[in-house]
């Protein structure tokens, strides 16, 4: 993959704090893009990551969920399902667009972006139909490989 500079962003998290790309500087960022809180596949995906949290909780890695939902909806979703990572609100889908996470250019897609400590996108994946998502073990293997200086497997 090309060494693409990660597009900057400032989004509000479910706890009301602002999160920026700059706040990830010096650590790896695992950005989990998903279309909608409380929808069946999104709920299954985020609950899978919750249930497999030990696989994802790696030193030097910050995990952030991003969807177009409001901060209030994120707050309720995170509380109801005990999601262990912040959920960021992108209501205008600007970050989705900047990271290439739109389907048909119109709808928010399910996808993953990994940003390295220098702010370079090292991996990007998007689901064509939105029904699949990478399992926690796959993401862990990817992150460990990238942290060790290896290339991602596409």
N, C-alpha and C. Protein backbone atom coordinates (compact mmCIF):
# COMPACT_ATOMS: atom_id res chain seq x y z
N UNK A 1 0.84 -1.19 0.00
CA UNK A 1 0.00 0.00 0.00
C UNK A 1 0.87 1.24 0.00
N UNK A 2 0.42 2.25 -0.69
CA UNK A 2 1.15 3.52 -0.70
C UNK A 2 1.19 4.11 0.70
N UNK A 3 2.22 4.90 0.93
CA UNK A 3 2.33 5.57 2.22
C UNK A 3 1.52 6.86 2.16
N UNK A 4 0.25 6.74 2.48
CA UNK A 4 -0.68 7.85 2.43
C UNK A 4 -0.75 8.53 3.79
N UNK A 5 -0.60 9.83 3.80
CA UNK A 5 -0.74 10.57 5.05
C UNK A 5 -2.20 10.50 5.48
N UNK A 6 -2.41 10.15 6.73
CA UNK A 6 -3.78 10.01 7.25
C UNK A 6 -4.48 11.37 7.22
N UNK A 7 -5.70 11.41 6.68
CA UNK A 7 -6.44 12.67 6.68
C UNK A 7 -6.75 13.12 8.11
N UNK A 8 -6.54 14.41 8.39
CA UNK A 8 -6.81 14.90 9.74
C UNK A 8 -8.30 14.87 10.05
N UNK A 9 -8.61 14.77 11.33
CA UNK A 9 -10.00 14.83 11.75
C UNK A 9 -10.10 15.33 13.19
N UNK A 10 -11.25 15.88 13.50
CA UNK A 10 -11.63 16.22 14.86
C UNK A 10 -13.07 15.78 15.00
N UNK A 11 -13.31 14.81 15.88
CA UNK A 11 -14.65 14.27 16.09
C UNK A 11 -14.95 14.24 17.58
N UNK A 12 -16.22 14.26 17.92
CA UNK A 12 -16.64 14.20 19.32
C UNK A 12 -16.92 12.75 19.70
N UNK A 13 -16.35 12.35 20.83
CA UNK A 13 -16.53 10.99 21.35
C UNK A 13 -17.81 10.91 22.18
N UNK A 14 -18.20 9.69 22.48
CA UNK A 14 -19.43 9.46 23.25
C UNK A 14 -19.38 10.08 24.64
N UNK A 15 -18.19 10.37 25.17
CA UNK A 15 -18.09 11.01 26.48
C UNK A 15 -18.04 12.54 26.38
N UNK A 16 -18.17 13.06 25.14
CA UNK A 16 -18.18 14.51 24.94
C UNK A 16 -16.83 15.13 24.64
N UNK A 17 -15.75 14.37 24.75
CA UNK A 17 -14.43 14.92 24.46
C UNK A 17 -14.18 14.95 22.96
N UNK A 18 -13.31 15.87 22.54
CA UNK A 18 -12.92 15.93 21.14
C UNK A 18 -11.69 15.06 20.93
N UNK A 19 -11.73 14.27 19.88
CA UNK A 19 -10.61 13.40 19.53
C UNK A 19 -10.11 13.84 18.16
N UNK A 20 -8.80 14.02 18.05
CA UNK A 20 -8.20 14.44 16.79
C UNK A 20 -7.22 13.37 16.31
N UNK A 21 -6.89 13.44 15.03
CA UNK A 21 -5.84 12.57 14.52
C UNK A 21 -4.55 12.86 15.28
N UNK A 22 -4.29 14.11 15.57
CA UNK A 22 -3.08 14.48 16.30
C UNK A 22 -2.97 13.84 17.66
N UNK A 23 -4.11 13.54 18.28
CA UNK A 23 -4.07 12.90 19.60
C UNK A 23 -3.59 11.45 19.52
N UNK A 24 -3.53 10.91 18.32
CA UNK A 24 -3.02 9.54 18.13
C UNK A 24 -1.51 9.53 17.89
N UNK A 25 -0.92 10.70 17.65
CA UNK A 25 0.50 10.80 17.32
C UNK A 25 1.33 10.04 18.36
N UNK A 26 2.27 9.24 17.89
CA UNK A 26 3.13 8.49 18.79
C UNK A 26 2.58 7.11 19.14
N UNK A 27 1.38 6.79 18.69
CA UNK A 27 0.80 5.46 18.92
C UNK A 27 0.08 5.01 17.66
N UNK A 28 -0.23 3.76 17.60
CA UNK A 28 -0.97 3.21 16.47
C UNK A 28 -2.45 3.50 16.66
N UNK A 29 -3.14 3.81 15.59
CA UNK A 29 -4.58 4.03 15.64
C UNK A 29 -5.29 2.97 14.82
N UNK A 30 -6.23 2.28 15.45
CA UNK A 30 -7.08 1.32 14.76
C UNK A 30 -8.46 1.96 14.67
N UNK A 31 -8.81 2.42 13.47
CA UNK A 31 -10.08 3.12 13.25
C UNK A 31 -11.08 2.13 12.67
N UNK A 32 -12.15 1.90 13.42
CA UNK A 32 -13.18 0.95 13.02
C UNK A 32 -14.40 1.73 12.54
N UNK A 33 -14.59 1.78 11.23
CA UNK A 33 -15.73 2.49 10.64
C UNK A 33 -16.91 1.53 10.55
N UNK A 34 -18.08 2.00 10.99
CA UNK A 34 -19.27 1.16 10.91
C UNK A 34 -20.48 2.06 10.67
N UNK A 35 -21.52 1.55 9.99
CA UNK A 35 -22.63 2.41 9.56
C UNK A 35 -23.58 2.91 10.64
N UNK A 36 -23.93 2.07 11.65
CA UNK A 36 -25.02 2.50 12.53
C UNK A 36 -25.05 1.74 13.85
N UNK A 37 -25.13 2.50 14.95
CA UNK A 37 -25.34 1.89 16.26
C UNK A 37 -26.67 1.13 16.27
N UNK A 38 -26.70 0.05 17.01
CA UNK A 38 -27.90 -0.77 17.25
C UNK A 38 -28.37 -1.56 16.03
N UNK A 39 -27.74 -1.43 14.86
CA UNK A 39 -28.14 -2.26 13.72
C UNK A 39 -27.57 -3.66 13.96
N UNK A 40 -28.17 -4.69 13.38
CA UNK A 40 -27.75 -6.06 13.70
C UNK A 40 -26.28 -6.37 13.46
N UNK A 41 -25.74 -6.07 12.27
CA UNK A 41 -24.36 -6.43 11.98
C UNK A 41 -23.39 -5.55 12.79
N UNK A 42 -23.70 -4.27 12.92
CA UNK A 42 -22.82 -3.39 13.70
C UNK A 42 -22.78 -3.81 15.17
N UNK A 43 -23.93 -4.16 15.71
CA UNK A 43 -23.98 -4.61 17.11
C UNK A 43 -23.18 -5.89 17.25
N UNK A 44 -23.36 -6.82 16.32
CA UNK A 44 -22.59 -8.09 16.36
C UNK A 44 -21.10 -7.80 16.29
N UNK A 45 -20.69 -6.90 15.39
CA UNK A 45 -19.27 -6.58 15.21
C UNK A 45 -18.67 -5.98 16.48
N UNK A 46 -19.28 -4.94 17.00
CA UNK A 46 -18.70 -4.27 18.16
C UNK A 46 -18.76 -5.15 19.41
N UNK A 47 -19.79 -5.98 19.54
CA UNK A 47 -19.84 -6.91 20.66
C UNK A 47 -18.78 -8.01 20.51
N UNK A 48 -18.49 -8.40 19.29
CA UNK A 48 -17.39 -9.36 19.06
C UNK A 48 -16.07 -8.75 19.55
N UNK A 49 -15.82 -7.50 19.20
CA UNK A 49 -14.58 -6.85 19.65
C UNK A 49 -14.57 -6.72 21.18
N UNK A 50 -15.71 -6.45 21.77
CA UNK A 50 -15.80 -6.40 23.23
C UNK A 50 -15.46 -7.77 23.83
N UNK A 51 -16.07 -8.81 23.28
CA UNK A 51 -15.86 -10.16 23.81
C UNK A 51 -14.44 -10.67 23.60
N UNK A 52 -13.78 -10.17 22.59
CA UNK A 52 -12.40 -10.57 22.27
C UNK A 52 -11.41 -9.45 22.60
N UNK A 53 -11.76 -8.61 23.57
CA UNK A 53 -10.97 -7.44 23.89
C UNK A 53 -9.51 -7.76 24.20
N UNK A 54 -9.26 -8.89 24.85
CA UNK A 54 -7.88 -9.25 25.18
C UNK A 54 -7.02 -9.39 23.93
N UNK A 55 -7.61 -9.82 22.83
CA UNK A 55 -6.86 -9.95 21.57
C UNK A 55 -6.52 -8.58 20.99
N UNK A 56 -7.39 -7.61 21.21
CA UNK A 56 -7.21 -6.29 20.60
C UNK A 56 -6.44 -5.31 21.47
N UNK A 57 -6.42 -5.54 22.75
CA UNK A 57 -5.80 -4.59 23.67
C UNK A 57 -4.27 -4.77 23.64
N UNK A 58 -3.67 -4.11 22.68
CA UNK A 58 -2.22 -4.18 22.49
C UNK A 58 -1.55 -2.90 22.98
N UNK A 59 -0.35 -2.98 23.55
CA UNK A 59 0.36 -1.77 23.97
C UNK A 59 0.61 -0.86 22.77
N UNK A 60 0.39 0.43 22.98
CA UNK A 60 0.67 1.40 21.94
C UNK A 60 -0.36 1.49 20.85
N UNK A 61 -1.55 0.88 21.06
CA UNK A 61 -2.62 0.92 20.06
C UNK A 61 -3.86 1.56 20.66
N UNK A 62 -4.38 2.58 19.98
CA UNK A 62 -5.62 3.25 20.39
C UNK A 62 -6.71 2.81 19.41
N UNK A 63 -7.80 2.27 19.94
CA UNK A 63 -8.90 1.79 19.12
C UNK A 63 -10.05 2.78 19.22
N UNK A 64 -10.58 3.16 18.06
CA UNK A 64 -11.69 4.11 18.00
C UNK A 64 -12.74 3.60 17.03
N UNK A 65 -14.00 3.60 17.45
CA UNK A 65 -15.10 3.30 16.56
C UNK A 65 -15.62 4.61 15.98
N UNK A 66 -15.98 4.61 14.70
CA UNK A 66 -16.48 5.83 14.04
C UNK A 66 -17.73 5.48 13.26
N UNK A 67 -18.81 6.22 13.53
CA UNK A 67 -20.04 6.07 12.75
C UNK A 67 -20.71 7.43 12.63
N UNK A 68 -21.70 7.55 11.75
CA UNK A 68 -22.41 8.82 11.58
C UNK A 68 -23.37 9.14 12.72
N UNK A 69 -23.58 8.22 13.65
CA UNK A 69 -24.55 8.45 14.72
C UNK A 69 -24.15 9.60 15.64
N UNK A 70 -25.14 10.13 16.35
CA UNK A 70 -24.91 11.23 17.27
C UNK A 70 -24.15 10.77 18.51
N UNK A 71 -23.58 11.72 19.21
CA UNK A 71 -22.89 11.44 20.47
C UNK A 71 -23.86 10.77 21.45
N UNK A 72 -25.08 11.26 21.51
CA UNK A 72 -26.07 10.69 22.44
C UNK A 72 -26.38 9.24 22.11
N UNK A 73 -26.55 8.95 20.82
CA UNK A 73 -26.82 7.57 20.41
C UNK A 73 -25.62 6.67 20.73
N UNK A 74 -24.41 7.18 20.46
CA UNK A 74 -23.20 6.43 20.81
C UNK A 74 -23.15 6.15 22.31
N UNK A 75 -23.48 7.15 23.09
CA UNK A 75 -23.43 7.01 24.55
C UNK A 75 -24.35 5.86 24.99
N UNK A 76 -25.58 5.84 24.46
CA UNK A 76 -26.53 4.78 24.81
C UNK A 76 -26.07 3.41 24.32
N UNK A 77 -25.53 3.37 23.11
CA UNK A 77 -25.06 2.12 22.53
C UNK A 77 -23.87 1.58 23.33
N UNK A 78 -22.93 2.43 23.62
CA UNK A 78 -21.73 2.00 24.35
C UNK A 78 -22.10 1.52 25.76
N UNK A 79 -23.00 2.23 26.40
CA UNK A 79 -23.42 1.85 27.75
C UNK A 79 -24.18 0.52 27.72
N UNK A 80 -25.12 0.39 26.79
CA UNK A 80 -25.94 -0.83 26.72
C UNK A 80 -25.10 -2.08 26.46
N UNK A 81 -24.09 -1.96 25.59
CA UNK A 81 -23.31 -3.13 25.21
C UNK A 81 -21.90 -3.17 25.82
N UNK A 82 -21.60 -2.23 26.71
CA UNK A 82 -20.30 -2.18 27.41
C UNK A 82 -19.13 -2.24 26.42
N UNK A 83 -19.18 -1.39 25.40
CA UNK A 83 -18.11 -1.33 24.41
C UNK A 83 -16.89 -0.70 25.08
N UNK A 84 -15.72 -1.36 25.01
CA UNK A 84 -14.55 -0.90 25.78
C UNK A 84 -13.70 0.18 25.12
N UNK A 85 -14.14 0.73 24.01
CA UNK A 85 -13.35 1.77 23.34
C UNK A 85 -14.28 2.92 22.96
N UNK A 86 -13.74 4.12 22.79
CA UNK A 86 -14.56 5.29 22.46
C UNK A 86 -15.24 5.15 21.09
N UNK A 87 -16.42 5.74 21.00
CA UNK A 87 -17.17 5.81 19.75
C UNK A 87 -17.25 7.27 19.33
N UNK A 88 -16.82 7.56 18.12
CA UNK A 88 -16.76 8.92 17.63
C UNK A 88 -17.90 9.19 16.65
N UNK A 89 -18.44 10.39 16.74
CA UNK A 89 -19.57 10.80 15.91
C UNK A 89 -19.08 11.57 14.68
N UNK A 90 -19.48 11.08 13.50
CA UNK A 90 -19.14 11.71 12.22
C UNK A 90 -20.44 11.96 11.45
N UNK A 91 -21.31 12.86 11.97
CA UNK A 91 -22.66 13.01 11.40
C UNK A 91 -22.70 13.48 9.95
N UNK A 92 -21.70 14.23 9.51
CA UNK A 92 -21.66 14.69 8.12
C UNK A 92 -20.89 13.70 7.23
N UNK A 93 -20.38 12.64 7.82
CA UNK A 93 -19.64 11.59 7.12
C UNK A 93 -18.39 12.12 6.41
N UNK A 94 -17.84 13.20 6.93
CA UNK A 94 -16.64 13.78 6.35
C UNK A 94 -15.43 12.86 6.50
N UNK A 95 -15.28 12.27 7.68
CA UNK A 95 -14.14 11.38 7.91
C UNK A 95 -14.31 10.10 7.11
N UNK A 96 -15.54 9.61 7.01
CA UNK A 96 -15.81 8.45 6.16
C UNK A 96 -15.33 8.74 4.73
N UNK A 97 -15.66 9.92 4.22
CA UNK A 97 -15.26 10.28 2.85
C UNK A 97 -13.73 10.39 2.73
N UNK A 98 -13.11 11.08 3.68
CA UNK A 98 -11.66 11.29 3.62
C UNK A 98 -10.87 9.98 3.65
N UNK A 99 -11.42 8.99 4.36
CA UNK A 99 -10.74 7.71 4.49
C UNK A 99 -11.23 6.68 3.46
N UNK A 100 -12.08 7.12 2.52
CA UNK A 100 -12.56 6.22 1.47
C UNK A 100 -13.51 5.15 1.97
N UNK A 101 -14.29 5.48 2.99
CA UNK A 101 -15.19 4.50 3.62
C UNK A 101 -16.66 4.76 3.28
N UNK A 102 -16.91 5.02 1.99
CA UNK A 102 -18.29 5.19 1.52
C UNK A 102 -18.59 4.10 0.50
N UNK A 103 -19.84 3.64 0.47
CA UNK A 103 -20.29 2.67 -0.51
C UNK A 103 -21.08 3.43 -1.57
N UNK A 104 -20.73 3.21 -2.82
CA UNK A 104 -21.36 3.89 -3.95
C UNK A 104 -21.25 5.41 -3.83
N UNK A 105 -20.32 5.87 -3.01
CA UNK A 105 -20.13 7.30 -2.81
C UNK A 105 -21.23 7.96 -2.01
N UNK A 106 -22.20 7.17 -1.52
CA UNK A 106 -23.37 7.74 -0.86
C UNK A 106 -23.59 7.28 0.57
N UNK A 107 -23.24 6.04 0.86
CA UNK A 107 -23.57 5.45 2.16
C UNK A 107 -22.32 5.10 2.95
N UNK A 108 -22.37 5.29 4.27
CA UNK A 108 -21.21 4.92 5.09
C UNK A 108 -20.98 3.42 5.03
N UNK A 109 -19.74 3.03 4.88
CA UNK A 109 -19.37 1.62 4.76
C UNK A 109 -18.78 1.10 6.07
N UNK A 110 -18.66 -0.21 6.13
CA UNK A 110 -17.96 -0.86 7.23
C UNK A 110 -16.50 -1.02 6.78
N UNK A 111 -15.58 -0.56 7.59
CA UNK A 111 -14.19 -0.64 7.18
C UNK A 111 -13.22 -0.46 8.33
N UNK A 112 -11.95 -0.59 8.00
CA UNK A 112 -10.87 -0.48 8.99
C UNK A 112 -9.74 0.33 8.36
N UNK A 113 -9.17 1.22 9.16
CA UNK A 113 -7.93 1.90 8.76
C UNK A 113 -6.96 1.80 9.93
N UNK A 114 -5.71 1.52 9.62
CA UNK A 114 -4.66 1.50 10.64
C UNK A 114 -3.71 2.64 10.32
N UNK A 115 -3.52 3.52 11.32
CA UNK A 115 -2.64 4.67 11.18
C UNK A 115 -1.43 4.44 12.09
N UNK A 116 -0.24 4.60 11.52
CA UNK A 116 0.97 4.36 12.32
C UNK A 116 1.30 5.58 13.19
N UNK A 117 2.27 5.46 14.09
CA UNK A 117 2.59 6.55 15.02
C UNK A 117 3.03 7.86 14.35
N UNK A 118 3.44 7.80 13.07
CA UNK A 118 3.83 9.01 12.34
C UNK A 118 2.67 9.60 11.55
N UNK A 119 1.49 9.00 11.64
CA UNK A 119 0.33 9.54 10.93
C UNK A 119 0.18 9.06 9.50
N UNK A 120 0.73 7.89 9.20
CA UNK A 120 0.64 7.30 7.86
C UNK A 120 -0.38 6.15 7.89
N UNK A 121 -1.28 6.13 6.91
CA UNK A 121 -2.23 5.01 6.81
C UNK A 121 -1.44 3.81 6.30
N UNK A 122 -1.34 2.79 7.13
CA UNK A 122 -0.58 1.60 6.78
C UNK A 122 -1.46 0.47 6.27
N UNK A 123 -2.76 0.57 6.51
CA UNK A 123 -3.67 -0.48 6.08
C UNK A 123 -5.07 0.12 5.97
N UNK A 124 -5.79 -0.29 4.94
CA UNK A 124 -7.18 0.13 4.77
C UNK A 124 -7.95 -1.02 4.18
N UNK A 125 -9.12 -1.29 4.74
CA UNK A 125 -10.00 -2.35 4.27
C UNK A 125 -11.43 -1.84 4.32
N UNK A 126 -12.21 -2.19 3.31
CA UNK A 126 -13.61 -1.79 3.28
C UNK A 126 -14.43 -2.97 2.80
N UNK A 127 -15.56 -3.21 3.47
CA UNK A 127 -16.47 -4.28 3.08
C UNK A 127 -17.33 -3.82 1.92
N UNK A 128 -17.36 -4.61 0.86
CA UNK A 128 -18.14 -4.25 -0.33
C UNK A 128 -19.64 -4.17 -0.02
N UNK A 129 -20.15 -5.13 0.73
CA UNK A 129 -21.59 -5.15 1.02
C UNK A 129 -21.92 -4.75 2.45
N UNK A 130 -20.92 -4.61 3.29
CA UNK A 130 -21.17 -4.21 4.67
C UNK A 130 -21.57 -5.34 5.59
N UNK A 131 -21.52 -6.57 5.12
CA UNK A 131 -21.95 -7.69 5.95
C UNK A 131 -20.79 -8.40 6.64
N UNK A 132 -19.57 -8.15 6.17
CA UNK A 132 -18.39 -8.78 6.76
C UNK A 132 -17.63 -7.76 7.60
N UNK A 133 -16.85 -8.29 8.51
CA UNK A 133 -15.93 -7.46 9.27
C UNK A 133 -14.76 -8.32 9.71
N UNK A 134 -13.57 -7.73 9.87
CA UNK A 134 -12.42 -8.51 10.30
C UNK A 134 -12.59 -8.96 11.75
N UNK A 135 -12.26 -10.18 12.01
CA UNK A 135 -12.34 -10.72 13.37
C UNK A 135 -11.20 -10.15 14.21
N UNK A 136 -11.38 -10.18 15.52
CA UNK A 136 -10.40 -9.62 16.44
C UNK A 136 -9.02 -10.25 16.26
N UNK A 137 -8.97 -11.56 16.08
CA UNK A 137 -7.69 -12.24 15.89
C UNK A 137 -6.97 -11.78 14.63
N UNK A 138 -7.73 -11.54 13.56
CA UNK A 138 -7.14 -11.03 12.32
C UNK A 138 -6.54 -9.64 12.54
N UNK A 139 -7.30 -8.79 13.24
CA UNK A 139 -6.81 -7.44 13.51
C UNK A 139 -5.57 -7.46 14.39
N UNK A 140 -5.57 -8.35 15.37
CA UNK A 140 -4.40 -8.47 16.24
C UNK A 140 -3.17 -8.87 15.41
N UNK A 141 -3.32 -9.90 14.58
CA UNK A 141 -2.19 -10.35 13.74
C UNK A 141 -1.69 -9.22 12.85
N UNK A 142 -2.62 -8.49 12.26
CA UNK A 142 -2.27 -7.36 11.41
C UNK A 142 -1.47 -6.32 12.19
N UNK A 143 -1.96 -5.94 13.36
CA UNK A 143 -1.29 -4.91 14.17
C UNK A 143 0.09 -5.37 14.62
N UNK A 144 0.21 -6.62 15.04
CA UNK A 144 1.50 -7.14 15.48
C UNK A 144 2.49 -7.12 14.32
N UNK A 145 2.04 -7.53 13.13
CA UNK A 145 2.89 -7.52 11.94
C UNK A 145 3.34 -6.10 11.60
N UNK A 146 2.38 -5.16 11.62
CA UNK A 146 2.71 -3.78 11.29
C UNK A 146 3.66 -3.17 12.33
N UNK A 147 3.40 -3.43 13.61
CA UNK A 147 4.27 -2.89 14.65
C UNK A 147 5.69 -3.44 14.54
N UNK A 148 5.82 -4.65 14.03
CA UNK A 148 7.14 -5.26 13.86
C UNK A 148 7.83 -4.79 12.58
N UNK A 149 7.15 -3.93 11.82
CA UNK A 149 7.75 -3.40 10.60
C UNK A 149 7.40 -4.17 9.35
N UNK A 150 6.51 -5.12 9.47
CA UNK A 150 6.12 -5.91 8.32
C UNK A 150 5.04 -5.25 7.50
N UNK A 151 4.82 -5.79 6.33
CA UNK A 151 3.77 -5.28 5.45
C UNK A 151 2.47 -6.01 5.73
N UNK A 152 1.34 -5.33 5.59
CA UNK A 152 0.05 -6.01 5.79
C UNK A 152 -0.22 -6.98 4.65
N UNK A 153 -0.97 -8.01 4.93
CA UNK A 153 -1.44 -8.92 3.89
C UNK A 153 -2.79 -8.43 3.44
N UNK A 154 -2.94 -8.19 2.17
CA UNK A 154 -4.21 -7.66 1.64
C UNK A 154 -5.17 -8.79 1.36
